[in-house]
Amino acid sequence: ASYWTPPMKSNIQFILTGIPDVDDDYIRPNAGIYEVDMFYTPETTIRKMNELGQKVICYFSAATAENWRDDYKDFQKADLGKELPDWKGEKYLDIRRDNVFKVIKKRIDLAAKKGCNAIEPDNVDVYSNENGFKPAIVPDDTVKYLHKVSAYARSLNMSVGIKNCIEILGPIFDDVDFAISEQCVQYLNCTAYANFTTAPHAGAIGKPVFEVEY
């Protein structure tokens, strides 16, 4: 691949509620990879982190609409489903709709413009939540959607990560470059990632899984 992909057994640091201070020494030595909020983190910060030898994964939601984001107005009424129970002002998106992918493509464009080395399109496990859509979104819809998201991001020289979505790790293996597991120790499902790190089919090479507990 011409784009960077996270190596196995690499360290990662999440900074999603603020902006990394690139003038602080901690940014240089320990974690080689940082995950930051794609909207909040300025391009100058991301470029500086790259200069310091850090790789930057940019986080954004690819399957929910957050009413505090600048592009919220670009979503159509039919794109929006139920509000997330714990996040006021955030609604599920119908990832089967062309307009949703159109808006998300612009988010991927912004990530590329800012110099992100990879993206983490979050919340794509919309099929496993009470999202309000009829007919229901099924895992195969996420597989198809991720295929489009991934192909577009890779065409802009960024790698792609998947969070959770353990039901579809096999079908989407070729479309992603790393995985992020939230609380698999707490939920006792870490073994779901075994094939991901060892490669699920002949000719494939295993990919890293970053594990986060809150």
N, C-alpha and C. Protein backbone atom coordinates (compact mmCIF):
# COMPACT_ATOMS: atom_id res chain seq x y z
N ALA A 1 0.85 -1.20 0.00
CA ALA A 1 0.00 0.00 0.00
C ALA A 1 0.88 1.25 0.00
N SER A 2 0.43 2.28 -0.70
CA SER A 2 1.21 3.52 -0.74
C SER A 2 0.93 4.36 0.50
N TYR A 3 -0.13 4.03 1.22
CA TYR A 3 -0.48 4.78 2.43
C TYR A 3 0.08 4.05 3.66
N TRP A 4 0.24 4.82 4.75
CA TRP A 4 0.75 4.27 6.00
C TRP A 4 -0.30 3.38 6.66
N THR A 5 0.14 2.26 7.23
CA THR A 5 -0.74 1.42 8.04
C THR A 5 -0.07 1.17 9.39
N PRO A 6 -0.83 1.11 10.48
CA PRO A 6 -0.22 0.91 11.80
C PRO A 6 0.44 -0.47 11.89
N PRO A 7 1.69 -0.52 12.36
CA PRO A 7 2.33 -1.82 12.52
C PRO A 7 1.76 -2.59 13.71
N MET A 8 1.93 -3.90 13.69
CA MET A 8 1.52 -4.73 14.82
C MET A 8 2.29 -4.30 16.07
N LYS A 9 1.66 -4.44 17.22
CA LYS A 9 2.27 -4.17 18.53
C LYS A 9 2.74 -2.72 18.69
N SER A 10 2.10 -1.79 17.99
CA SER A 10 2.47 -0.39 18.18
C SER A 10 1.61 0.22 19.29
N ASN A 11 2.10 1.31 19.87
CA ASN A 11 1.37 1.99 20.95
C ASN A 11 0.50 3.10 20.36
N ILE A 12 -0.61 3.34 21.03
CA ILE A 12 -1.51 4.40 20.57
C ILE A 12 -1.95 5.24 21.77
N GLN A 13 -2.12 6.54 21.54
CA GLN A 13 -2.61 7.45 22.58
C GLN A 13 -3.85 8.16 22.04
N PHE A 14 -4.95 8.09 22.79
CA PHE A 14 -6.18 8.77 22.37
C PHE A 14 -6.26 10.14 23.03
N ILE A 15 -6.49 11.18 22.22
CA ILE A 15 -6.74 12.52 22.75
C ILE A 15 -7.97 13.05 22.01
N LEU A 16 -9.16 12.72 22.53
CA LEU A 16 -10.39 13.04 21.82
C LEU A 16 -11.17 14.19 22.45
N THR A 17 -10.76 14.62 23.65
CA THR A 17 -11.51 15.69 24.31
C THR A 17 -10.73 16.99 24.37
N GLY A 18 -9.64 17.07 23.68
CA GLY A 18 -8.85 18.29 23.64
C GLY A 18 -7.95 18.25 22.42
N ILE A 19 -7.01 19.17 22.37
CA ILE A 19 -6.07 19.23 21.24
C ILE A 19 -4.68 18.92 21.76
N PRO A 20 -3.94 18.02 21.11
CA PRO A 20 -2.58 17.71 21.58
C PRO A 20 -1.71 18.96 21.61
N ASP A 21 -0.95 19.11 22.69
CA ASP A 21 -0.02 20.24 22.82
C ASP A 21 1.31 19.82 22.21
N VAL A 22 1.56 20.28 20.99
CA VAL A 22 2.75 19.82 20.28
C VAL A 22 4.04 20.43 20.83
N ASP A 23 3.91 21.40 21.73
CA ASP A 23 5.11 21.99 22.34
C ASP A 23 5.52 21.26 23.61
N ASP A 24 4.72 20.28 24.01
CA ASP A 24 5.01 19.52 25.23
C ASP A 24 5.86 18.31 24.86
N ASP A 25 6.85 18.01 25.67
CA ASP A 25 7.76 16.90 25.37
C ASP A 25 7.06 15.55 25.25
N TYR A 26 5.91 15.39 25.91
CA TYR A 26 5.28 14.06 25.92
C TYR A 26 4.86 13.64 24.51
N ILE A 27 4.68 14.59 23.62
CA ILE A 27 4.21 14.25 22.28
C ILE A 27 5.29 13.49 21.50
N ARG A 28 6.56 13.64 21.90
CA ARG A 28 7.63 13.09 21.08
C ARG A 28 7.94 11.61 21.32
N PRO A 29 8.25 11.19 22.56
CA PRO A 29 8.90 9.89 22.63
C PRO A 29 8.04 8.65 22.69
N ASN A 30 6.93 8.65 23.45
CA ASN A 30 6.39 7.34 23.84
C ASN A 30 5.44 6.70 22.83
N ALA A 31 4.31 7.31 22.53
CA ALA A 31 3.37 6.69 21.60
C ALA A 31 3.68 7.17 20.19
N GLY A 32 3.81 6.24 19.28
CA GLY A 32 4.11 6.64 17.90
C GLY A 32 2.87 7.03 17.13
N ILE A 33 1.69 6.70 17.71
CA ILE A 33 0.43 6.94 17.01
C ILE A 33 -0.52 7.68 17.95
N TYR A 34 -1.16 8.72 17.45
CA TYR A 34 -2.16 9.46 18.22
C TYR A 34 -3.49 9.43 17.48
N GLU A 35 -4.56 9.23 18.23
CA GLU A 35 -5.89 9.39 17.64
C GLU A 35 -6.50 10.67 18.17
N VAL A 36 -6.94 11.55 17.26
CA VAL A 36 -7.47 12.86 17.64
C VAL A 36 -8.83 13.08 16.97
N ASP A 37 -9.56 14.06 17.49
CA ASP A 37 -10.84 14.43 16.89
C ASP A 37 -10.58 15.18 15.60
N MET A 38 -11.10 14.68 14.50
CA MET A 38 -10.80 15.26 13.19
C MET A 38 -11.31 16.69 13.06
N PHE A 39 -12.47 16.99 13.64
CA PHE A 39 -13.02 18.33 13.51
C PHE A 39 -12.28 19.34 14.39
N TYR A 40 -12.02 18.96 15.64
CA TYR A 40 -11.46 19.92 16.60
C TYR A 40 -9.97 20.18 16.41
N THR A 41 -9.24 19.21 15.89
CA THR A 41 -7.78 19.33 15.84
C THR A 41 -7.36 20.11 14.60
N PRO A 42 -6.64 21.23 14.78
CA PRO A 42 -6.26 22.05 13.63
C PRO A 42 -5.26 21.35 12.71
N GLU A 43 -5.29 21.73 11.45
CA GLU A 43 -4.35 21.18 10.47
C GLU A 43 -2.90 21.42 10.91
N THR A 44 -2.63 22.60 11.48
CA THR A 44 -1.25 22.91 11.89
C THR A 44 -0.76 21.92 12.95
N THR A 45 -1.65 21.51 13.85
CA THR A 45 -1.28 20.54 14.89
C THR A 45 -0.96 19.18 14.27
N ILE A 46 -1.81 18.72 13.37
CA ILE A 46 -1.60 17.42 12.74
C ILE A 46 -0.31 17.41 11.92
N ARG A 47 -0.07 18.48 11.16
CA ARG A 47 1.15 18.57 10.35
C ARG A 47 2.39 18.58 11.25
N LYS A 48 2.30 19.30 12.37
CA LYS A 48 3.43 19.38 13.31
C LYS A 48 3.71 18.00 13.91
N MET A 49 2.65 17.28 14.27
CA MET A 49 2.82 15.94 14.83
C MET A 49 3.51 15.02 13.82
N ASN A 50 3.13 15.14 12.55
CA ASN A 50 3.79 14.36 11.51
C ASN A 50 5.27 14.72 11.42
N GLU A 51 5.58 16.01 11.53
CA GLU A 51 6.98 16.46 11.50
C GLU A 51 7.78 15.86 12.65
N LEU A 52 7.11 15.69 13.80
CA LEU A 52 7.77 15.14 14.98
C LEU A 52 7.86 13.61 14.93
N GLY A 53 7.39 13.03 13.83
CA GLY A 53 7.50 11.58 13.67
C GLY A 53 6.30 10.81 14.16
N GLN A 54 5.22 11.52 14.53
CA GLN A 54 4.01 10.84 15.00
C GLN A 54 3.06 10.60 13.84
N LYS A 55 2.35 9.50 13.89
CA LYS A 55 1.28 9.25 12.93
C LYS A 55 -0.05 9.63 13.59
N VAL A 56 -0.97 10.14 12.80
CA VAL A 56 -2.22 10.66 13.36
C VAL A 56 -3.42 9.97 12.72
N ILE A 57 -4.23 9.34 13.59
CA ILE A 57 -5.51 8.76 13.18
C ILE A 57 -6.59 9.78 13.52
N CYS A 58 -7.41 10.13 12.56
CA CYS A 58 -8.45 11.14 12.79
C CYS A 58 -9.81 10.48 12.98
N TYR A 59 -10.40 10.79 14.12
CA TYR A 59 -11.69 10.23 14.52
C TYR A 59 -12.83 11.12 14.03
N PHE A 60 -13.85 10.52 13.45
CA PHE A 60 -15.12 11.23 13.23
C PHE A 60 -16.23 10.18 13.16
N SER A 61 -17.45 10.62 13.38
CA SER A 61 -18.57 9.69 13.28
C SER A 61 -18.98 9.56 11.82
N ALA A 62 -19.13 8.32 11.36
CA ALA A 62 -19.54 8.07 9.97
C ALA A 62 -20.96 7.52 9.89
N ALA A 63 -21.62 7.40 11.04
CA ALA A 63 -22.98 6.83 11.02
C ALA A 63 -23.92 7.51 12.01
N THR A 64 -23.50 8.66 12.54
CA THR A 64 -24.41 9.48 13.34
C THR A 64 -24.23 10.94 12.92
N ALA A 65 -25.29 11.72 13.10
CA ALA A 65 -25.25 13.16 12.83
C ALA A 65 -25.29 13.89 14.16
N GLU A 66 -24.28 14.72 14.41
CA GLU A 66 -24.17 15.46 15.67
C GLU A 66 -24.52 16.92 15.39
N ASN A 67 -25.52 17.45 16.09
CA ASN A 67 -26.02 18.77 15.72
C ASN A 67 -25.06 19.92 16.05
N TRP A 68 -23.91 19.60 16.66
CA TRP A 68 -22.92 20.64 16.93
C TRP A 68 -21.84 20.69 15.84
N ARG A 69 -21.89 19.80 14.87
CA ARG A 69 -20.90 19.81 13.79
C ARG A 69 -21.34 20.77 12.68
N ASP A 70 -20.36 21.40 12.03
CA ASP A 70 -20.66 22.40 11.00
C ASP A 70 -21.47 21.83 9.83
N ASP A 71 -21.29 20.55 9.53
CA ASP A 71 -21.96 19.99 8.35
C ASP A 71 -23.31 19.33 8.67
N TYR A 72 -23.80 19.52 9.88
CA TYR A 72 -25.08 18.89 10.27
C TYR A 72 -26.20 19.26 9.29
N LYS A 73 -26.17 20.51 8.83
CA LYS A 73 -27.22 21.01 7.92
C LYS A 73 -27.22 20.28 6.57
N ASP A 74 -26.13 19.60 6.23
CA ASP A 74 -26.04 18.91 4.94
C ASP A 74 -26.81 17.59 4.93
N PHE A 75 -27.15 17.09 6.11
CA PHE A 75 -27.95 15.86 6.16
C PHE A 75 -29.42 16.19 5.88
N GLN A 76 -30.09 15.27 5.18
CA GLN A 76 -31.51 15.44 4.88
C GLN A 76 -32.34 14.78 5.98
N LYS A 77 -33.60 15.21 6.08
CA LYS A 77 -34.45 14.68 7.15
C LYS A 77 -34.54 13.16 7.09
N ALA A 78 -34.64 12.62 5.86
CA ALA A 78 -34.78 11.17 5.70
C ALA A 78 -33.50 10.42 6.08
N ASP A 79 -32.38 11.14 6.20
CA ASP A 79 -31.12 10.51 6.60
C ASP A 79 -31.11 10.17 8.09
N LEU A 80 -31.93 10.89 8.87
CA LEU A 80 -31.83 10.87 10.33
C LEU A 80 -32.78 9.87 10.97
N GLY A 81 -32.26 9.12 11.94
CA GLY A 81 -33.07 8.18 12.70
C GLY A 81 -33.25 8.65 14.12
N LYS A 82 -33.30 7.71 15.03
CA LYS A 82 -33.50 8.02 16.45
C LYS A 82 -32.27 8.70 17.06
N GLU A 83 -32.52 9.43 18.14
CA GLU A 83 -31.42 10.03 18.89
C GLU A 83 -30.73 8.96 19.72
N LEU A 84 -29.41 9.07 19.85
CA LEU A 84 -28.67 8.13 20.69
C LEU A 84 -29.07 8.35 22.14
N PRO A 85 -29.32 7.28 22.90
CA PRO A 85 -29.83 7.44 24.27
C PRO A 85 -28.93 8.26 25.19
N ASP A 86 -27.62 8.14 25.04
CA ASP A 86 -26.72 8.83 25.98
C ASP A 86 -26.13 10.11 25.42
N TRP A 87 -26.49 10.48 24.19
CA TRP A 87 -25.86 11.63 23.54
C TRP A 87 -26.93 12.54 22.93
N LYS A 88 -27.32 13.56 23.69
CA LYS A 88 -28.35 14.48 23.23
C LYS A 88 -27.85 15.24 22.00
N GLY A 89 -28.70 15.36 21.01
CA GLY A 89 -28.32 16.10 19.80
C GLY A 89 -27.60 15.26 18.76
N GLU A 90 -27.49 13.95 19.01
CA GLU A 90 -26.82 13.05 18.06
C GLU A 90 -27.81 11.98 17.61
N LYS A 91 -27.98 11.86 16.29
CA LYS A 91 -28.95 10.90 15.74
C LYS A 91 -28.27 9.91 14.80
N TYR A 92 -28.83 8.70 14.77
CA TYR A 92 -28.30 7.69 13.85
C TYR A 92 -28.55 8.10 12.41
N LEU A 93 -27.65 7.67 11.52
CA LEU A 93 -27.78 7.94 10.09
C LEU A 93 -28.13 6.66 9.33
N ASP A 94 -28.94 6.83 8.29
CA ASP A 94 -29.24 5.70 7.41
C ASP A 94 -28.10 5.57 6.41
N ILE A 95 -27.17 4.68 6.71
CA ILE A 95 -25.94 4.55 5.92
C ILE A 95 -26.19 3.99 4.52
N ARG A 96 -27.44 3.61 4.23
CA ARG A 96 -27.77 3.10 2.90
C ARG A 96 -28.07 4.23 1.92
N ARG A 97 -28.25 5.45 2.43
CA ARG A 97 -28.66 6.57 1.58
C ARG A 97 -27.46 7.27 0.93
N ASP A 98 -27.64 7.63 -0.35
CA ASP A 98 -26.55 8.27 -1.11
C ASP A 98 -26.10 9.58 -0.47
N ASN A 99 -27.07 10.35 0.05
CA ASN A 99 -26.70 11.65 0.61
C ASN A 99 -25.79 11.51 1.83
N VAL A 100 -26.01 10.45 2.62
CA VAL A 100 -25.15 10.22 3.80
C VAL A 100 -23.71 10.02 3.35
N PHE A 101 -23.51 9.17 2.34
CA PHE A 101 -22.15 8.93 1.86
C PHE A 101 -21.54 10.21 1.27
N LYS A 102 -22.39 11.03 0.64
CA LYS A 102 -21.91 12.30 0.07
C LYS A 102 -21.32 13.20 1.17
N VAL A 103 -22.04 13.31 2.29
CA VAL A 103 -21.56 14.14 3.41
C VAL A 103 -20.30 13.54 4.02
N ILE A 104 -20.29 12.22 4.20
CA ILE A 104 -19.13 11.56 4.81
C ILE A 104 -17.91 11.66 3.90
N LYS A 105 -18.10 11.64 2.59
CA LYS A 105 -16.97 11.83 1.66
C LYS A 105 -16.30 13.18 1.92
N LYS A 106 -17.11 14.21 2.20
CA LYS A 106 -16.55 15.53 2.49
C LYS A 106 -15.76 15.50 3.79
N ARG A 107 -16.21 14.71 4.75
CA ARG A 107 -15.45 14.56 6.00
C ARG A 107 -14.10 13.88 5.72
N ILE A 108 -14.12 12.89 4.85
CA ILE A 108 -12.87 12.20 4.49
C ILE A 108 -11.95 13.17 3.74
N ASP A 109 -12.53 14.01 2.88
CA ASP A 109 -11.74 15.05 2.19
C ASP A 109 -11.05 15.96 3.20
N LEU A 110 -11.80 16.36 4.24
CA LEU A 110 -11.24 17.25 5.27
C LEU A 110 -10.10 16.57 6.01
N ALA A 111 -10.27 15.28 6.32
CA ALA A 111 -9.21 14.53 7.00
C ALA A 111 -7.94 14.52 6.15
N ALA A 112 -8.10 14.31 4.85
CA ALA A 112 -6.94 14.29 3.94
C ALA A 112 -6.29 15.67 3.88
N LYS A 113 -7.11 16.71 3.80
CA LYS A 113 -6.60 18.08 3.72
C LYS A 113 -5.79 18.44 4.97
N LYS A 114 -6.24 17.94 6.13
CA LYS A 114 -5.55 18.26 7.38
C LYS A 114 -4.26 17.46 7.57
N GLY A 115 -4.06 16.43 6.75
CA GLY A 115 -2.83 15.64 6.86
C GLY A 115 -2.96 14.39 7.71
N CYS A 116 -4.19 13.93 7.96
CA CYS A 116 -4.38 12.70 8.73
C CYS A 116 -3.75 11.51 7.99
N ASN A 117 -3.12 10.63 8.75
CA ASN A 117 -2.53 9.42 8.15
C ASN A 117 -3.54 8.28 8.05
N ALA A 118 -4.59 8.36 8.86
CA ALA A 118 -5.62 7.31 8.88
C ALA A 118 -6.90 7.93 9.40
N ILE A 119 -8.02 7.23 9.17
CA ILE A 119 -9.29 7.66 9.73
C ILE A 119 -9.90 6.53 10.55
N GLU A 120 -10.68 6.93 11.57
CA GLU A 120 -11.49 5.96 12.30
C GLU A 120 -12.94 6.40 12.19
N PRO A 121 -13.67 5.85 11.19
CA PRO A 121 -15.08 6.22 11.02
C PRO A 121 -15.94 5.49 12.05
N ASP A 122 -16.39 6.21 13.05
CA ASP A 122 -17.03 5.58 14.21
C ASP A 122 -18.53 5.34 14.00
N ASN A 123 -19.09 4.54 14.90
CA ASN A 123 -20.54 4.29 15.01
C ASN A 123 -21.14 3.50 13.85
N VAL A 124 -20.30 2.84 13.05
CA VAL A 124 -20.84 2.11 11.90
C VAL A 124 -21.54 0.81 12.31
N ASP A 125 -21.49 0.48 13.61
CA ASP A 125 -22.27 -0.67 14.11
C ASP A 125 -23.72 -0.25 14.38
N VAL A 126 -24.21 0.68 13.57
CA VAL A 126 -25.57 1.21 13.71
C VAL A 126 -26.62 0.10 13.66
N TYR A 127 -26.30 -1.00 12.97
CA TYR A 127 -27.23 -2.14 12.86
C TYR A 127 -27.55 -2.78 14.21
N SER A 128 -26.67 -2.60 15.19
CA SER A 128 -26.87 -3.27 16.48
C SER A 128 -27.56 -2.36 17.50
N ASN A 129 -28.02 -1.19 17.05
CA ASN A 129 -28.65 -0.23 17.95
C ASN A 129 -30.10 0.05 17.54
N GLU A 130 -30.88 0.56 18.50
CA GLU A 130 -32.26 0.98 18.22
C GLU A 130 -32.20 2.28 17.42
N ASN A 131 -32.14 2.16 16.10
CA ASN A 131 -31.87 3.34 15.28
C ASN A 131 -33.11 3.96 14.64
N GLY A 132 -34.24 3.23 14.65
CA GLY A 132 -35.49 3.80 14.15
C GLY A 132 -35.74 3.64 12.66
N PHE A 133 -34.87 2.96 11.94
CA PHE A 133 -35.06 2.85 10.49
C PHE A 133 -35.89 1.62 10.10
N LYS A 134 -36.77 1.81 9.10
CA LYS A 134 -37.55 0.71 8.52
C LYS A 134 -37.35 0.77 7.02
N PRO A 135 -37.05 -0.34 6.33
CA PRO A 135 -36.64 -1.62 6.91
C PRO A 135 -35.34 -1.48 7.69
N ALA A 136 -35.09 -2.44 8.55
CA ALA A 136 -33.95 -2.35 9.47
C ALA A 136 -32.62 -2.39 8.72
N ILE A 137 -31.64 -1.66 9.28
CA ILE A 137 -30.26 -1.75 8.78
C ILE A 137 -29.68 -3.07 9.29
N VAL A 138 -29.04 -3.81 8.40
CA VAL A 138 -28.48 -5.12 8.76
C VAL A 138 -26.96 -5.06 8.62
N PRO A 139 -26.24 -6.02 9.23
CA PRO A 139 -24.77 -6.01 9.16
C PRO A 139 -24.23 -5.88 7.73
N ASP A 140 -24.89 -6.52 6.76
CA ASP A 140 -24.41 -6.44 5.38
C ASP A 140 -24.44 -5.01 4.84
N ASP A 141 -25.37 -4.19 5.34
CA ASP A 141 -25.41 -2.78 4.94
C ASP A 141 -24.14 -2.06 5.38
N THR A 142 -23.67 -2.38 6.59
CA THR A 142 -22.43 -1.79 7.09
C THR A 142 -21.24 -2.27 6.27
N VAL A 143 -21.23 -3.54 5.90
CA VAL A 143 -20.14 -4.08 5.08
C VAL A 143 -20.05 -3.31 3.76
N LYS A 144 -21.20 -3.10 3.11
CA LYS A 144 -21.22 -2.38 1.83
C LYS A 144 -20.79 -0.92 2.01
N TYR A 145 -21.28 -0.31 3.07
CA TYR A 145 -20.96 1.10 3.35
C TYR A 145 -19.47 1.27 3.63
N LEU A 146 -18.93 0.41 4.47
CA LEU A 146 -17.51 0.49 4.81
C LEU A 146 -16.62 0.27 3.59
N HIS A 147 -17.07 -0.57 2.68
CA HIS A 147 -16.32 -0.81 1.45
C HIS A 147 -16.15 0.50 0.68
N LYS A 148 -17.22 1.30 0.61
CA LYS A 148 -17.17 2.59 -0.09
C LYS A 148 -16.32 3.60 0.67
N VAL A 149 -16.54 3.67 1.99
CA VAL A 149 -15.78 4.61 2.83
C VAL A 149 -14.29 4.31 2.73
N SER A 150 -13.95 3.04 2.83
CA SER A 150 -12.55 2.63 2.82
C SER A 150 -11.90 2.90 1.47
N ALA A 151 -12.57 2.54 0.39
CA ALA A 151 -12.00 2.75 -0.94
C ALA A 151 -11.72 4.23 -1.17
N TYR A 152 -12.63 5.09 -0.71
CA TYR A 152 -12.44 6.53 -0.91
C TYR A 152 -11.27 7.05 -0.06
N ALA A 153 -11.22 6.64 1.20
CA ALA A 153 -10.13 7.10 2.08
C ALA A 153 -8.77 6.62 1.57
N ARG A 154 -8.70 5.37 1.16
CA ARG A 154 -7.43 4.83 0.65
C ARG A 154 -7.01 5.53 -0.64
N SER A 155 -7.98 5.95 -1.45
CA SER A 155 -7.64 6.67 -2.68
C SER A 155 -6.99 8.02 -2.36
N LEU A 156 -7.21 8.51 -1.14
CA LEU A 156 -6.60 9.76 -0.67
C LEU A 156 -5.41 9.48 0.26
N ASN A 157 -4.89 8.25 0.18
CA ASN A 157 -3.68 7.85 0.93
C ASN A 157 -3.84 7.84 2.44
N MET A 158 -5.01 7.41 2.91
CA MET A 158 -5.21 7.23 4.34
C MET A 158 -5.66 5.80 4.60
N SER A 159 -5.17 5.21 5.69
CA SER A 159 -5.64 3.89 6.08
C SER A 159 -6.92 4.03 6.89
N VAL A 160 -7.58 2.90 7.16
CA VAL A 160 -8.92 2.93 7.75
C VAL A 160 -9.00 1.93 8.89
N GLY A 161 -9.60 2.37 10.01
CA GLY A 161 -9.79 1.48 11.15
C GLY A 161 -11.26 1.21 11.40
N ILE A 162 -11.52 0.10 12.06
CA ILE A 162 -12.90 -0.27 12.42
C ILE A 162 -12.99 -0.37 13.93
N LYS A 163 -14.06 0.20 14.51
CA LYS A 163 -14.27 0.08 15.96
C LYS A 163 -15.41 -0.90 16.24
N ASN A 164 -15.15 -1.83 17.16
CA ASN A 164 -16.16 -2.84 17.54
C ASN A 164 -16.62 -3.63 16.31
N CYS A 165 -17.91 -3.71 16.03
CA CYS A 165 -18.41 -4.43 14.84
C CYS A 165 -17.89 -5.86 14.75
N ILE A 166 -17.86 -6.55 15.89
CA ILE A 166 -17.24 -7.89 15.88
C ILE A 166 -17.99 -8.88 14.99
N GLU A 167 -19.26 -8.60 14.71
CA GLU A 167 -20.05 -9.53 13.88
C GLU A 167 -19.56 -9.56 12.43
N ILE A 168 -18.88 -8.50 11.99
CA ILE A 168 -18.51 -8.41 10.56
C ILE A 168 -17.00 -8.30 10.34
N LEU A 169 -16.21 -8.65 11.36
CA LEU A 169 -14.75 -8.52 11.22
C LEU A 169 -14.21 -9.33 10.05
N GLY A 170 -14.81 -10.48 9.77
CA GLY A 170 -14.35 -11.31 8.65
C GLY A 170 -14.64 -10.65 7.31
N PRO A 171 -15.92 -10.33 7.04
CA PRO A 171 -16.26 -9.73 5.74
C PRO A 171 -15.58 -8.39 5.45
N ILE A 172 -15.24 -7.62 6.50
CA ILE A 172 -14.65 -6.30 6.22
C ILE A 172 -13.13 -6.30 6.37
N PHE A 173 -12.54 -7.46 6.61
CA PHE A 173 -11.10 -7.53 6.88
C PHE A 173 -10.27 -6.84 5.79
N ASP A 174 -10.59 -7.08 4.53
CA ASP A 174 -9.79 -6.51 3.45
C ASP A 174 -10.00 -5.01 3.28
N ASP A 175 -11.08 -4.49 3.84
CA ASP A 175 -11.38 -3.07 3.69
C ASP A 175 -10.84 -2.21 4.82
N VAL A 176 -10.27 -2.82 5.85
CA VAL A 176 -9.73 -2.04 6.96
C VAL A 176 -8.28 -2.44 7.22
N ASP A 177 -7.57 -1.55 7.93
CA ASP A 177 -6.13 -1.76 8.17
C ASP A 177 -5.80 -1.98 9.63
N PHE A 178 -6.76 -1.69 10.51
CA PHE A 178 -6.59 -1.93 11.95
C PHE A 178 -7.97 -1.92 12.59
N ALA A 179 -8.02 -2.41 13.82
CA ALA A 179 -9.29 -2.42 14.56
C ALA A 179 -9.08 -1.77 15.92
N ILE A 180 -10.16 -1.20 16.46
CA ILE A 180 -10.15 -0.66 17.81
C ILE A 180 -11.27 -1.37 18.58
N SER A 181 -10.90 -1.98 19.69
CA SER A 181 -11.88 -2.67 20.52
C SER A 181 -12.14 -1.83 21.76
N GLU A 182 -13.41 -1.56 22.02
CA GLU A 182 -13.78 -0.87 23.26
C GLU A 182 -14.25 -1.90 24.28
N GLN A 183 -13.52 -1.96 25.39
CA GLN A 183 -13.94 -2.74 26.56
C GLN A 183 -14.17 -4.22 26.29
N CYS A 184 -13.31 -4.84 25.48
CA CYS A 184 -13.52 -6.28 25.24
C CYS A 184 -13.19 -7.10 26.48
N VAL A 185 -12.36 -6.54 27.39
CA VAL A 185 -12.09 -7.24 28.65
C VAL A 185 -13.35 -7.24 29.50
N GLN A 186 -13.98 -6.08 29.62
CA GLN A 186 -15.22 -5.96 30.40
C GLN A 186 -16.32 -6.85 29.83
N TYR A 187 -16.44 -6.87 28.50
CA TYR A 187 -17.54 -7.61 27.86
C TYR A 187 -17.15 -9.03 27.46
N LEU A 188 -15.93 -9.42 27.79
CA LEU A 188 -15.46 -10.80 27.58
C LEU A 188 -15.56 -11.24 26.11
N ASN A 189 -15.22 -10.34 25.19
CA ASN A 189 -15.27 -10.74 23.78
C ASN A 189 -13.97 -10.47 23.02
N CYS A 190 -12.85 -10.42 23.75
CA CYS A 190 -11.56 -10.16 23.09
C CYS A 190 -11.19 -11.25 22.09
N THR A 191 -11.64 -12.48 22.34
CA THR A 191 -11.28 -13.57 21.43
C THR A 191 -11.89 -13.38 20.04
N ALA A 192 -12.89 -12.51 19.93
CA ALA A 192 -13.50 -12.24 18.62
C ALA A 192 -12.47 -11.66 17.64
N TYR A 193 -11.39 -11.09 18.20
CA TYR A 193 -10.39 -10.45 17.36
C TYR A 193 -9.23 -11.38 16.98
N ALA A 194 -9.29 -12.63 17.42
CA ALA A 194 -8.17 -13.56 17.19
C ALA A 194 -7.84 -13.71 15.71
N ASN A 195 -8.85 -13.89 14.88
CA ASN A 195 -8.61 -14.05 13.45
C ASN A 195 -8.11 -12.78 12.79
N PHE A 196 -8.46 -11.64 13.40
CA PHE A 196 -8.06 -10.36 12.82
C PHE A 196 -6.54 -10.19 12.90
N THR A 197 -5.98 -10.57 14.03
CA THR A 197 -4.53 -10.40 14.20
C THR A 197 -3.72 -11.50 13.53
N THR A 198 -4.34 -12.64 13.27
CA THR A 198 -3.61 -13.74 12.64
C THR A 198 -3.95 -13.90 11.17
N ALA A 199 -4.97 -13.18 10.68
CA ALA A 199 -5.44 -13.20 9.28
C ALA A 199 -6.49 -14.28 9.07
N PRO A 200 -7.66 -13.88 8.59
CA PRO A 200 -8.78 -14.81 8.48
C PRO A 200 -8.81 -15.67 7.22
N HIS A 201 -7.97 -15.36 6.24
CA HIS A 201 -7.99 -16.18 5.03
C HIS A 201 -6.60 -16.29 4.43
N ALA A 202 -6.41 -17.29 3.60
CA ALA A 202 -5.09 -17.58 3.01
C ALA A 202 -4.59 -16.37 2.23
N GLY A 203 -3.30 -16.10 2.38
CA GLY A 203 -2.69 -15.00 1.65
C GLY A 203 -2.80 -13.66 2.35
N ALA A 204 -3.57 -13.60 3.44
CA ALA A 204 -3.71 -12.34 4.17
C ALA A 204 -2.68 -12.26 5.29
N ILE A 205 -2.40 -11.05 5.72
CA ILE A 205 -1.47 -10.81 6.83
C ILE A 205 -2.28 -10.21 7.97
N GLY A 206 -2.00 -10.65 9.20
CA GLY A 206 -2.74 -10.13 10.36
C GLY A 206 -2.60 -8.63 10.52
N LYS A 207 -3.57 -8.04 11.16
CA LYS A 207 -3.60 -6.58 11.35
C LYS A 207 -3.76 -6.26 12.83
N PRO A 208 -3.25 -5.08 13.25
CA PRO A 208 -3.28 -4.77 14.69
C PRO A 208 -4.67 -4.44 15.22
N VAL A 209 -4.86 -4.76 16.51
CA VAL A 209 -6.07 -4.39 17.23
C VAL A 209 -5.64 -3.55 18.43
N PHE A 210 -6.19 -2.36 18.56
CA PHE A 210 -5.91 -1.49 19.71
C PHE A 210 -7.08 -1.62 20.69
N GLU A 211 -6.75 -1.90 21.95
CA GLU A 211 -7.79 -2.20 22.94
C GLU A 211 -7.91 -1.07 23.95
N VAL A 212 -9.14 -0.61 24.18
CA VAL A 212 -9.38 0.51 25.09
C VAL A 212 -10.38 0.08 26.16
N GLU A 213 -10.04 0.33 27.43
CA GLU A 213 -10.99 0.14 28.53
C GLU A 213 -11.26 1.50 29.16
N TYR A 214 -12.51 1.76 29.54
CA TYR A 214 -12.85 3.05 30.14
C TYR A 214 -13.11 2.88 31.63
